[in-house]
C-alpha cells in the first residue's frame, strides 16, 4: 500500500452497506472502475462484516473504516481488516487510538484551529468535513496560504460536478464521495453501472492548478 491514502486514487468512495451480501460485488465494481480505496462507514450494524468480507475477498481493494468516533471502533475496525481509518472529527483520545492502530488515519477537521492543532501534533493529512457546508473550495483555497503543509481529503456534499474544483487545489490529494453509488443502482445490484461511474470518477485527475 502506498504511504498515503490521499495518493491511492483521486476519489475515495464513501460506502454505506445495509446488506452484507452487497459488500464484495460492490467493492469489485469499484476496484474494476479504478477506485481501489474504499471507505466503509460505521453507520450500519453490518459495517464491520462488510469490511471483513471485502478485506478477505477483494485483494486489490484497500478497504478502510469511516465514521470512526471511539477508540473501541478503532480496535474493531482494524481487527476486521481495515487498512485505513477516517473520522468526521477528532479528540486527543481518538487521535491517540487511531495513530496507535498501525494503519493510516485521516482525522476530520472543519476549522483552521483544528488544522493547526493537528499540525502541532505532527499530523499533516486530514479529512475536511463537511466540505461543502464548511466552506468548500473557497475555504480550502484560503487555508493553503498560511498552512501549505496540510493536505486534505474533502468529503461531504461533493458530486461529480464539483469534485474537479476540489482536485484543482494544491492542498487536496483526493476527495470522498458517494455519487458513483446511486441508491437505485445499489438496490438493483447494477454493478455494471457502478463500475462505469467509478471509471468516470477515476478519470478525474488533479490538473495542477495553483491557488
Protein backbone atom coordinates (compact mmCIF):
# COMPACT_ATOMS: atom_id res chain seq x y z
CA UNK A 1 0.00 0.00 0.00
CA UNK A 2 1.19 3.50 -0.79
CA UNK A 3 2.30 5.54 2.18
CA UNK A 4 -0.67 7.89 1.82
CA UNK A 5 -4.37 7.20 1.45
CA UNK A 6 -4.60 10.53 -0.36
CA UNK A 7 -2.50 9.19 -3.24
CA UNK A 8 -4.34 5.93 -3.97
CA UNK A 9 -6.92 7.47 -6.31
CA UNK A 10 -8.48 10.87 -6.99
CA UNK A 11 -11.74 9.74 -5.40
CA UNK A 12 -12.41 7.62 -2.32
CA UNK A 13 -15.91 6.10 -2.48
CA UNK A 14 -17.80 6.57 0.77
CA UNK A 15 -19.91 3.44 1.18
CA UNK A 16 -22.83 2.73 3.49
CA UNK A 17 -23.56 -1.01 3.46
CA UNK A 18 -27.02 -2.15 4.55
CA UNK A 19 -26.89 -5.69 3.12
CA UNK A 20 -23.64 -7.55 3.79
CA UNK A 21 -24.10 -9.61 0.63
CA UNK A 22 -23.60 -6.43 -1.40
CA UNK A 23 -20.17 -5.67 0.05
CA UNK A 24 -17.97 -7.86 -2.13
CA UNK A 25 -19.63 -7.28 -5.54
CA UNK A 26 -19.83 -3.56 -4.81
CA UNK A 27 -16.14 -3.43 -3.92
CA UNK A 28 -15.20 -5.44 -7.00
CA UNK A 29 -17.12 -3.00 -9.20
CA UNK A 30 -15.37 -0.01 -7.63
CA UNK A 31 -11.92 -1.60 -8.00
CA UNK A 32 -12.64 -2.61 -11.60
CA UNK A 33 -13.55 1.00 -12.27
CA UNK A 34 -10.22 2.22 -10.90
CA UNK A 35 -11.13 3.20 -7.34
CA UNK A 36 -9.22 0.84 -5.01
CA UNK A 37 -9.54 2.85 -1.78
CA UNK A 38 -12.99 2.21 -0.31
CA UNK A 39 -14.26 3.83 2.88
CA UNK A 40 -17.00 1.76 4.55
CA UNK A 41 -18.71 3.94 7.11
CA UNK A 42 -19.50 2.52 10.53
CA UNK A 43 -23.10 3.71 10.29
CA UNK A 44 -24.82 0.35 9.98
CA UNK A 45 -24.77 -2.82 12.11
CA UNK A 46 -23.17 -4.79 9.26
CA UNK A 47 -20.33 -2.36 8.51
CA UNK A 48 -17.63 -4.40 10.23
CA UNK A 49 -18.84 -7.56 8.48
CA UNK A 50 -18.65 -5.68 5.17
CA UNK A 51 -15.08 -4.55 5.87
CA UNK A 52 -14.09 -8.08 6.80
CA UNK A 53 -15.68 -9.55 3.66
CA UNK A 54 -14.01 -7.02 1.36
CA UNK A 55 -10.63 -7.46 3.03
CA UNK A 56 -10.90 -11.23 2.64
CA UNK A 57 -12.34 -11.45 -0.89
CA UNK A 58 -11.12 -8.39 -2.80
CA UNK A 59 -7.33 -8.32 -2.52
CA UNK A 60 -6.96 -5.36 -4.89
CA UNK A 61 -9.13 -3.17 -2.66
CA UNK A 62 -7.76 -1.04 0.16
CA UNK A 63 -10.76 -1.03 2.45
CA UNK A 64 -10.98 1.43 5.29
CA UNK A 65 -13.41 2.36 8.03
CA UNK A 66 -15.16 5.71 8.12
CA UNK A 67 -17.21 7.50 10.77
CA UNK A 68 -14.76 6.26 13.41
CA UNK A 69 -15.53 8.17 16.60
CA UNK A 70 -14.36 5.96 19.50
CA UNK A 71 -11.19 4.05 20.42
CA UNK A 72 -13.28 0.87 20.55
CA UNK A 73 -14.28 1.35 16.93
CA UNK A 74 -10.62 1.79 16.02
CA UNK A 75 -9.82 -1.59 17.55
CA UNK A 76 -12.82 -3.31 15.96
CA UNK A 77 -12.20 -1.84 12.50
CA UNK A 78 -8.54 -2.83 12.40
CA UNK A 79 -9.41 -6.32 13.65
CA UNK A 80 -11.92 -6.59 10.80
CA UNK A 81 -9.23 -5.76 8.26
CA UNK A 82 -9.48 -2.00 7.79
CA UNK A 83 -6.41 -0.64 6.04
CA UNK A 84 -7.09 2.97 6.99
CA UNK A 85 -9.31 4.94 9.37
CA UNK A 86 -11.34 8.10 8.77
CA UNK A 87 -13.09 10.20 11.41
CA UNK A 88 -15.52 13.09 10.98
CA UNK A 89 -13.71 14.96 13.79
CA UNK A 90 -11.11 14.27 16.42
CA UNK A 91 -10.16 14.48 20.07
CA UNK A 92 -6.79 13.73 21.62
CA UNK A 93 -8.11 10.39 22.90
CA UNK A 94 -9.45 9.34 19.49
CA UNK A 95 -6.36 10.59 17.68
CA UNK A 96 -4.07 8.65 20.00
CA UNK A 97 -6.03 5.45 19.36
CA UNK A 98 -6.01 5.98 15.61
CA UNK A 99 -2.29 6.69 15.50
CA UNK A 100 -1.53 3.70 17.72
CA UNK A 101 -3.53 1.38 15.46
CA UNK A 102 -0.71 0.90 12.99
CA UNK A 103 -2.79 1.90 9.95
CA UNK A 104 -3.00 5.31 8.21
CA UNK A 105 -5.66 7.67 9.51
CA UNK A 106 -7.41 10.81 8.36
CA UNK A 107 -8.79 12.75 11.32
CA UNK A 108 -11.57 15.15 10.40
CA UNK A 109 -11.35 18.93 10.59
CA UNK A 110 -13.58 21.84 9.64
CA UNK A 111 -11.81 24.86 11.20
CA UNK A 112 -8.40 26.49 10.96
CA UNK A 113 -7.75 25.91 14.66
CA UNK A 114 -8.34 22.18 14.25
CA UNK A 115 -5.89 22.07 11.35
CA UNK A 116 -3.25 23.95 13.37
CA UNK A 117 -3.80 21.65 16.35
CA UNK A 118 -3.22 18.56 14.19
CA UNK A 119 -0.13 20.08 12.59
CA UNK A 120 1.15 20.74 16.11
CA UNK A 121 0.72 17.01 16.79
CA UNK A 122 2.60 16.01 13.63
CA UNK A 123 -0.45 15.17 11.52
CA UNK A 124 -0.35 16.60 8.00
CA UNK A 125 -3.09 14.62 6.23
CA UNK A 126 -6.70 15.22 7.20
CA UNK A 127 -10.30 14.84 6.16
CA UNK A 128 -12.10 18.14 5.56
CA UNK A 129 -15.70 17.59 6.62
CA UNK A 130 -18.43 18.52 5.92
CA UNK A 131 -16.72 20.02 2.90
CA UNK A 132 -19.50 21.91 1.15
CA UNK A 133 -21.19 23.08 4.35
CA UNK A 134 -17.87 24.13 5.92
CA UNK A 135 -16.82 26.45 3.12
CA UNK A 136 -15.93 24.26 0.17
CA UNK A 137 -13.17 25.09 -2.26
CA UNK A 138 -13.02 28.75 -1.21
CA UNK A 139 -12.21 27.76 2.37
CA UNK A 140 -9.53 25.26 1.37
CA UNK A 141 -8.03 27.79 -1.04
CA UNK A 142 -7.78 30.29 1.81
CA UNK A 143 -6.09 27.70 4.07
CA UNK A 144 -3.32 27.00 1.59
CA UNK A 145 -1.55 30.33 2.02
CA UNK A 146 -0.82 30.11 5.76
CA UNK A 147 -0.92 26.30 6.04
CA UNK A 148 0.52 24.78 2.85
CA UNK A 149 1.86 21.76 4.73
CA UNK A 150 -1.66 20.42 5.37
CA UNK A 151 -3.21 18.07 2.81
CA UNK A 152 -6.88 17.20 2.69
CA UNK A 153 -9.47 14.70 1.55
CA UNK A 154 -12.62 16.86 1.39
CA UNK A 155 -15.82 14.88 1.93
CA UNK A 156 -19.44 15.88 2.35
CA UNK A 157 -21.77 17.12 -0.35
CA UNK A 158 -19.26 16.63 -3.18
CA UNK A 159 -20.50 15.29 -6.51
CA UNK A 160 -19.19 14.64 -9.99
CA UNK A 161 -19.70 18.28 -10.99
CA UNK A 162 -17.89 19.81 -8.01
CA UNK A 163 -15.09 17.26 -7.50
CA UNK A 164 -12.81 18.75 -10.20
CA UNK A 165 -12.82 22.11 -8.42
CA UNK A 166 -11.51 20.48 -5.25
CA UNK A 167 -8.96 18.38 -7.11
CA UNK A 168 -7.56 21.52 -8.76
CA UNK A 169 -6.34 22.77 -5.36
CA UNK A 170 -2.72 22.01 -4.41
CA UNK A 171 -3.65 21.10 -0.84
CA UNK A 172 -6.20 18.47 -1.91
CA UNK A 173 -4.95 14.94 -2.50
CA UNK A 174 -8.29 13.30 -3.21
CA UNK A 175 -11.99 13.75 -2.49
CA UNK A 176 -14.52 11.48 -0.83
CA UNK A 177 -17.98 10.95 -2.22
CA UNK A 178 -20.76 8.52 -2.99
CA UNK A 179 -22.08 9.74 -6.33
CA UNK A 180 -20.73 6.63 -8.07
CA UNK A 181 -23.04 4.58 -5.82
CA UNK A 182 -26.55 5.83 -6.66
CA UNK A 183 -29.12 4.22 -4.39
CA UNK A 184 -31.19 2.84 -7.26
CA UNK A 185 -28.15 1.11 -8.80
CA UNK A 186 -27.18 -0.44 -5.47
CA UNK A 187 -30.76 -1.53 -4.78
CA UNK A 188 -30.93 -3.15 -8.23
CA UNK A 189 -27.42 -4.59 -7.78
CA UNK A 190 -26.46 -2.98 -11.07
CA UNK A 191 -22.75 -3.39 -10.52
CA UNK A 192 -22.02 -2.63 -14.16
CA UNK A 193 -23.40 0.87 -13.71
CA UNK A 194 -21.40 1.31 -10.50
CA UNK A 195 -18.25 0.25 -12.33
CA UNK A 196 -18.94 2.70 -15.16
CA UNK A 197 -19.49 5.58 -12.74
CA UNK A 198 -16.37 4.58 -10.81
CA UNK A 199 -14.35 4.66 -14.02
CA UNK A 200 -15.56 8.19 -14.73
CA UNK A 201 -14.61 9.24 -11.20
CA UNK A 202 -11.19 7.60 -11.52
CA UNK A 203 -10.60 9.71 -14.60
CA UNK A 204 -10.70 12.89 -12.54
CA UNK A 205 -7.08 13.91 -12.13
CA UNK A 206 -5.54 16.88 -10.45
CA UNK A 207 -4.72 19.38 -13.21
CA UNK A 208 -2.04 21.01 -11.07
CA UNK A 209 -3.74 24.37 -10.75
CA UNK A 210 -2.31 26.83 -8.25
CA UNK A 211 -4.12 28.96 -5.72
